[in-house]
Protein backbone atom coordinates (compact mmCIF):
# COMPACT_ATOMS: atom_id res chain seq x y z
CA MET A 1 87.17 78.66 246.00
CA ILE A 2 84.21 77.14 244.30
CA GLN A 3 86.05 73.86 244.02
CA HIS A 4 86.53 73.72 247.84
CA VAL A 5 82.87 74.33 248.40
CA VAL A 6 81.85 71.75 245.71
CA SER A 7 84.42 69.24 247.11
CA TYR A 8 82.99 69.69 250.59
CA LEU A 9 79.25 69.36 249.58
CA ALA A 10 80.03 66.30 247.37
CA THR A 11 82.03 64.51 250.22
CA ALA A 12 79.47 65.48 252.82
CA LEU A 13 76.64 64.01 250.70
CA VAL A 14 78.42 60.75 250.22
CA PHE A 15 79.66 60.49 253.87
CA LEU A 16 76.25 61.29 255.35
CA ALA A 17 74.26 58.85 253.07
CA ILE A 18 76.63 55.97 253.67
CA ASP A 19 76.92 56.43 257.25
CA TYR A 20 73.08 56.95 257.70
CA VAL A 21 72.67 53.47 256.12
CA TRP A 22 75.35 51.95 258.34
CA LEU A 23 74.06 53.41 261.53
CA SER A 24 70.35 53.07 260.89
CA GLN A 25 70.15 49.71 258.90
CA VAL A 26 73.24 47.74 259.21
CA ALA A 27 75.14 48.14 262.54
CA THR A 28 72.35 49.31 264.92
CA ARG A 29 72.05 45.98 266.68
CA PHE A 30 75.84 45.37 266.77
CA TYR A 31 76.48 48.60 268.69
CA PHE A 32 73.29 48.54 270.80
CA ASP A 33 74.09 44.84 271.87
CA ARG A 34 77.63 45.79 272.96
CA ILE A 35 77.53 49.34 274.18
CA GLY A 36 73.79 50.11 274.57
CA HIS A 37 74.32 50.55 278.25
CA LEU A 38 76.55 53.36 277.55
CA LEU A 39 74.23 55.15 274.92
CA MET A 40 71.91 58.04 275.69
CA ASP A 41 68.25 57.55 275.00
CA LYS A 42 68.34 60.27 272.36
CA PRO A 43 71.58 61.25 270.69
CA ASN A 44 72.84 64.85 271.17
CA MET A 45 72.09 65.97 267.47
CA GLY A 46 73.99 69.18 267.88
CA ALA A 47 77.17 67.30 268.83
CA ALA A 48 76.40 64.78 266.01
CA ALA A 49 76.10 67.63 263.43
CA ALA A 50 79.39 69.28 264.68
CA PHE A 51 81.17 66.00 264.11
CA TYR A 52 79.87 65.52 260.66
CA LEU A 53 80.71 69.18 259.74
CA ILE A 54 84.18 68.93 261.11
CA TYR A 55 85.03 65.47 260.05
CA VAL A 56 84.16 66.14 256.33
CA VAL A 57 86.51 69.13 256.38
CA GLY A 58 89.28 66.77 257.43
CA ILE A 59 88.39 64.28 254.58
CA VAL A 60 88.59 67.23 252.05
CA ILE A 61 91.76 68.76 253.38
CA PHE A 62 93.75 65.57 253.87
CA ALA A 63 92.28 63.37 250.90
CA VAL A 64 90.16 64.97 248.43
CA GLY A 65 92.25 68.18 248.08
CA PRO A 66 95.53 66.34 247.47
CA ALA A 67 93.78 64.08 244.92
CA LEU A 68 92.39 67.03 243.12
CA LYS A 69 96.02 68.41 242.84
CA THR A 70 97.37 65.01 241.49
CA GLY A 71 94.36 64.22 239.38
CA ASN A 72 94.55 60.72 240.81
CA ILE A 73 91.57 58.90 242.66
CA SER A 74 93.96 56.51 244.36
CA THR A 75 95.24 59.46 246.31
CA ALA A 76 91.87 60.20 247.55
CA VAL A 77 91.11 56.59 248.47
CA LEU A 78 94.37 56.02 250.21
CA PHE A 79 94.59 59.25 252.10
CA GLY A 80 90.83 58.90 252.97
CA ALA A 81 91.54 55.42 254.38
CA LEU A 82 94.42 56.67 256.40
CA PHE A 83 92.55 59.58 257.81
CA GLY A 84 89.66 57.34 258.70
CA PHE A 85 91.92 54.77 260.28
CA PHE A 86 93.86 57.32 262.40
CA THR A 87 90.82 59.30 263.58
CA TYR A 88 88.58 56.31 264.33
CA ALA A 89 91.49 54.56 265.98
CA THR A 90 92.11 57.56 268.21
CA TYR A 91 88.45 57.56 269.23
CA ASP A 92 88.24 53.87 269.82
CA VAL A 93 91.51 52.94 271.29
CA THR A 94 91.13 55.82 273.67
CA ASN A 95 87.61 54.64 274.68
CA TYR A 96 89.11 50.96 275.07
CA ALA A 97 91.88 52.48 277.25
CA THR A 98 89.63 54.53 279.48
CA LEU A 99 86.05 53.19 279.60
CA ARG A 100 85.34 50.17 281.72
CA ASP A 101 82.96 48.41 279.43
CA TRP A 102 84.12 49.26 275.90
CA PRO A 103 84.42 45.91 273.93
CA PHE A 104 87.50 45.20 271.87
CA ILE A 105 85.15 43.93 269.03
CA VAL A 106 83.80 47.56 268.85
CA VAL A 107 87.21 48.78 268.50
CA ILE A 108 87.97 46.48 265.50
CA VAL A 109 84.66 47.05 263.80
CA ASP A 110 84.56 50.71 264.31
CA ILE A 111 88.09 51.40 263.12
CA SER A 112 87.36 49.11 260.04
CA TRP A 113 84.23 51.06 259.35
CA GLY A 114 85.87 54.42 259.76
CA THR A 115 88.61 53.38 257.32
CA ILE A 116 86.22 52.01 254.77
CA LEU A 117 83.76 55.01 255.02
CA SER A 118 86.44 57.58 254.73
CA ALA A 119 88.12 56.02 251.76
CA VAL A 120 84.89 55.54 249.88
CA SER A 121 83.70 59.12 250.74
CA ALA A 122 87.00 60.59 249.62
CA GLY A 123 87.02 58.62 246.35
CA LEU A 124 83.49 59.44 245.53
CA GLY A 125 83.89 62.94 246.66
CA TYR A 126 86.73 63.42 244.32
CA LEU A 127 84.92 61.91 241.48
CA LEU A 128 81.84 64.05 242.07
CA THR A 129 83.91 67.19 242.43
CA ARG A 130 85.76 66.57 239.12
CA LEU A 131 82.37 66.00 237.52
CA ALA A 132 80.75 69.08 238.97
CA MET A 133 83.76 71.13 238.02
CA SER A 134 83.81 69.99 234.43
CA LEU A 135 80.01 70.77 234.18
CA LEU A 136 80.69 74.22 235.67
CA VAL A 137 83.49 74.82 233.22
CA SER A 138 81.51 73.74 230.18
CA ALA A 139 78.43 75.66 230.99
């Protein structure tokens, strides 16, 4: 049970830190310039928190957990990438299909970002979990 908690916290830390930098420093203008007319003045922080809480569970279940069983980081990275690709693709392709002004370039960039972010988060979440568990065992 402790391994599940550690893997969730480690993965969440990585995911939140990287996504924060992406959203606040790197891609702000990209999204605002293309879908700013669709954005709220202030984001719904409760909904954002729910997304992060739920999404990290998915990374842990579908990528970090299997990697901890195999002892192979490539499992975490591959399954994390696939999880990110399919989840972000579901969101973006659905928006492209149903929203009048959802640009195709946002679909491509966002799916790419979700794939990379989830792969890196799963890989680092796996490594941090292994490190934390080895420290706990040796303590």
